């Protein structure tokens, strides 16, 4: 399943050629009538990013606390960590929307 995550990543940890970070949902968007309410608790995604991709966005994220990222990738249930994880296919900078 391909997903798009938009937000400010948490602390990043280098693990060989991969950087591991996390993104959490803040609030649900306006959803169409008839759908159940989104959970109030945030959903945390562990994100695996190639170090080469991370190197392109990390300096800007360090300089500007208002920047976020758009991450697109493959989502799966990480049995080892017992959470949802994403293998990033693309990582881009984005100004957050309030």
C-alpha atoms as a PDB file:
ATOM      1  CA  UNK A   1       0.000   0.000   0.000  1.00  0.00           C
ATOM      2  CA  UNK A   2       1.444   3.367  -0.994  1.00  0.00           C
ATOM      3  CA  UNK A   3       0.944   6.194   1.492  1.00  0.00           C
ATOM      4  CA  UNK A   4       1.807   9.869   1.769  1.00  0.00           C
ATOM      5  CA  UNK A   5       2.871  11.256   5.144  1.00  0.00           C
ATOM      6  CA  UNK A   6       3.102  15.007   5.673  1.00  0.00           C
ATOM      7  CA  UNK A   7       4.572  16.497   8.822  1.00  0.00           C
ATOM      8  CA  UNK A   8       7.618  17.199  10.904  1.00  0.00           C
ATOM      9  CA  UNK A   9       9.788  14.119  11.512  1.00  0.00           C
ATOM     10  CA  UNK A  10      10.992  13.244  14.981  1.00  0.00           C
ATOM     11  CA  UNK A  11      14.565  12.527  15.988  1.00  0.00           C
ATOM     12  CA  UNK A  12      16.463  10.712  13.244  1.00  0.00           C
ATOM     13  CA  UNK A  13      18.814   7.794  13.895  1.00  0.00           C
ATOM     14  CA  UNK A  14      21.379   6.608  11.366  1.00  0.00           C
ATOM     15  CA  UNK A  15      21.520   2.811  10.977  1.00  0.00           C
ATOM     16  CA  UNK A  16      24.043   2.011   8.274  1.00  0.00           C
ATOM     17  CA  UNK A  17      22.666   3.239   4.962  1.00  0.00           C
ATOM     18  CA  UNK A  18      19.230   3.905   6.471  1.00  0.00           C
ATOM     19  CA  UNK A  19      17.855   6.714   8.624  1.00  0.00           C
ATOM     20  CA  UNK A  20      14.979   5.845  10.949  1.00  0.00           C
ATOM     21  CA  UNK A  21      12.580   8.504  12.200  1.00  0.00           C
ATOM     22  CA  UNK A  22       8.917   8.787  13.156  1.00  0.00           C
ATOM     23  CA  UNK A  23       5.929  10.877  12.148  1.00  0.00           C
ATOM     24  CA  UNK A  24       2.697  11.070  14.126  1.00  0.00           C
ATOM     25  CA  UNK A  25      -0.775  12.179  13.119  1.00  0.00           C
ATOM     26  CA  UNK A  26      -1.903  15.413  14.735  1.00  0.00           C
ATOM     27  CA  UNK A  27      -5.573  15.703  13.917  1.00  0.00           C
ATOM     28  CA  UNK A  28      -7.805  14.068  11.382  1.00  0.00           C
ATOM     29  CA  UNK A  29      -8.762  16.035   8.290  1.00  0.00           C
ATOM     30  CA  UNK A  30     -12.375  16.876   7.597  1.00  0.00           C
ATOM     31  CA  UNK A  31     -13.889  13.546   6.587  1.00  0.00           C
ATOM     32  CA  UNK A  32     -17.003  12.889   4.507  1.00  0.00           C
ATOM     33  CA  UNK A  33     -20.286  12.301   6.306  1.00  0.00           C
ATOM     34  CA  UNK A  34     -21.074   8.673   6.955  1.00  0.00           C
ATOM     35  CA  UNK A  35     -17.534   7.679   7.954  1.00  0.00           C
ATOM     36  CA  UNK A  36     -16.765   6.809  11.563  1.00  0.00           C
ATOM     37  CA  UNK A  37     -14.763   9.359  13.529  1.00  0.00           C
ATOM     38  CA  UNK A  38     -11.004   9.117  13.259  1.00  0.00           C
ATOM     39  CA  UNK A  39      -9.253   7.973  16.444  1.00  0.00           C
ATOM     40  CA  UNK A  40      -8.387  10.747  18.887  1.00  0.00           C
ATOM     41  CA  UNK A  41      -5.081   9.066  19.740  1.00  0.00           C
ATOM     42  CA  UNK A  42      -2.250   9.887  17.323  1.00  0.00           C
ATOM     43  CA  UNK A  43      -1.006   7.171  14.987  1.00  0.00           C
ATOM     44  CA  UNK A  44       2.788   6.955  14.958  1.00  0.00           C
ATOM     45  CA  UNK A  45       4.550   5.750  11.816  1.00  0.00           C
ATOM     46  CA  UNK A  46       8.150   4.549  11.879  1.00  0.00           C
ATOM     47  CA  UNK A  47       9.804   5.729   8.672  1.00  0.00           C
ATOM     48  CA  UNK A  48      12.849   4.175   7.007  1.00  0.00           C
ATOM     49  CA  UNK A  49      14.647   6.588   4.666  1.00  0.00           C
ATOM     50  CA  UNK A  50      17.750   5.984   2.560  1.00  0.00           C
ATOM     51  CA  UNK A  51      20.631   8.003   4.045  1.00  0.00           C
ATOM     52  CA  UNK A  52      21.227   9.637   0.651  1.00  0.00           C
ATOM     53  CA  UNK A  53      17.616  10.932   0.577  1.00  0.00           C
ATOM     54  CA  UNK A  54      17.821  12.117   4.197  1.00  0.00           C
ATOM     55  CA  UNK A  55      21.035  14.044   3.491  1.00  0.00           C
ATOM     56  CA  UNK A  56      19.129  16.222   1.010  1.00  0.00           C
ATOM     57  CA  UNK A  57      16.490  17.387   3.534  1.00  0.00           C
ATOM     58  CA  UNK A  58      18.197  17.166   6.947  1.00  0.00           C
ATOM     59  CA  UNK A  59      20.194  20.438   6.759  1.00  0.00           C
ATOM     60  CA  UNK A  60      17.067  22.468   5.946  1.00  0.00           C
ATOM     61  CA  UNK A  61      15.085  20.750   8.723  1.00  0.00           C
ATOM     62  CA  UNK A  62      17.843  21.595  11.209  1.00  0.00           C
ATOM     63  CA  UNK A  63      17.881  25.259  10.135  1.00  0.00           C
ATOM     64  CA  UNK A  64      14.124  25.836  10.033  1.00  0.00           C
ATOM     65  CA  UNK A  65      11.832  24.355  12.714  1.00  0.00           C
ATOM     66  CA  UNK A  66       8.791  25.332  10.607  1.00  0.00           C
ATOM     67  CA  UNK A  67       9.681  22.997   7.749  1.00  0.00           C
ATOM     68  CA  UNK A  68       8.148  19.590   7.363  1.00  0.00           C
ATOM     69  CA  UNK A  69       8.446  16.778   4.860  1.00  0.00           C
ATOM     70  CA  UNK A  70       6.274  14.917   2.397  1.00  0.00           C
ATOM     71  CA  UNK A  71       7.167  11.243   2.404  1.00  0.00           C
ATOM     72  CA  UNK A  72       5.708   8.782  -0.051  1.00  0.00           C
ATOM     73  CA  UNK A  73       6.368   5.112   0.308  1.00  0.00           C
ATOM     74  CA  UNK A  74       5.306   1.568   1.002  1.00  0.00           C
ATOM     75  CA  UNK A  75       3.373   1.076   4.261  1.00  0.00           C
ATOM     76  CA  UNK A  76       3.458  -2.193   6.181  1.00  0.00           C
ATOM     77  CA  UNK A  77       2.858  -3.588   9.654  1.00  0.00           C
ATOM     78  CA  UNK A  78       6.282  -3.895  11.290  1.00  0.00           C
ATOM     79  CA  UNK A  79       5.953  -7.078  13.368  1.00  0.00           C
ATOM     80  CA  UNK A  80       9.284  -6.458  15.114  1.00  0.00           C
ATOM     81  CA  UNK A  81       8.344  -2.968  16.328  1.00  0.00           C
ATOM     82  CA  UNK A  82       4.588  -3.686  16.510  1.00  0.00           C
ATOM     83  CA  UNK A  83       3.673  -0.525  14.609  1.00  0.00           C
ATOM     84  CA  UNK A  84       2.952   0.821  11.139  1.00  0.00           C
ATOM     85  CA  UNK A  85       6.115   1.544   9.184  1.00  0.00           C
ATOM     86  CA  UNK A  86       6.879   3.182   5.865  1.00  0.00           C
ATOM     87  CA  UNK A  87       9.750   2.461   3.482  1.00  0.00           C
ATOM     88  CA  UNK A  88      10.287   5.884   1.901  1.00  0.00           C
ATOM     89  CA  UNK A  89      10.404   6.075  -1.872  1.00  0.00           C
ATOM     90  CA  UNK A  90      10.540   9.880  -1.981  1.00  0.00           C
ATOM     91  CA  UNK A  91      11.212  12.593   0.597  1.00  0.00           C
ATOM     92  CA  UNK A  92      10.611  16.300  -0.088  1.00  0.00           C
ATOM     93  CA  UNK A  93      10.580  19.459   2.023  1.00  0.00           C
ATOM     94  CA  UNK A  94       7.263  21.199   2.688  1.00  0.00           C
ATOM     95  CA  UNK A  95       6.121  24.226   4.613  1.00  0.00           C
ATOM     96  CA  UNK A  96       3.559  22.957   7.136  1.00  0.00           C
ATOM     97  CA  UNK A  97      -0.059  24.028   6.867  1.00  0.00           C
ATOM     98  CA  UNK A  98      -1.767  25.084  10.061  1.00  0.00           C
END
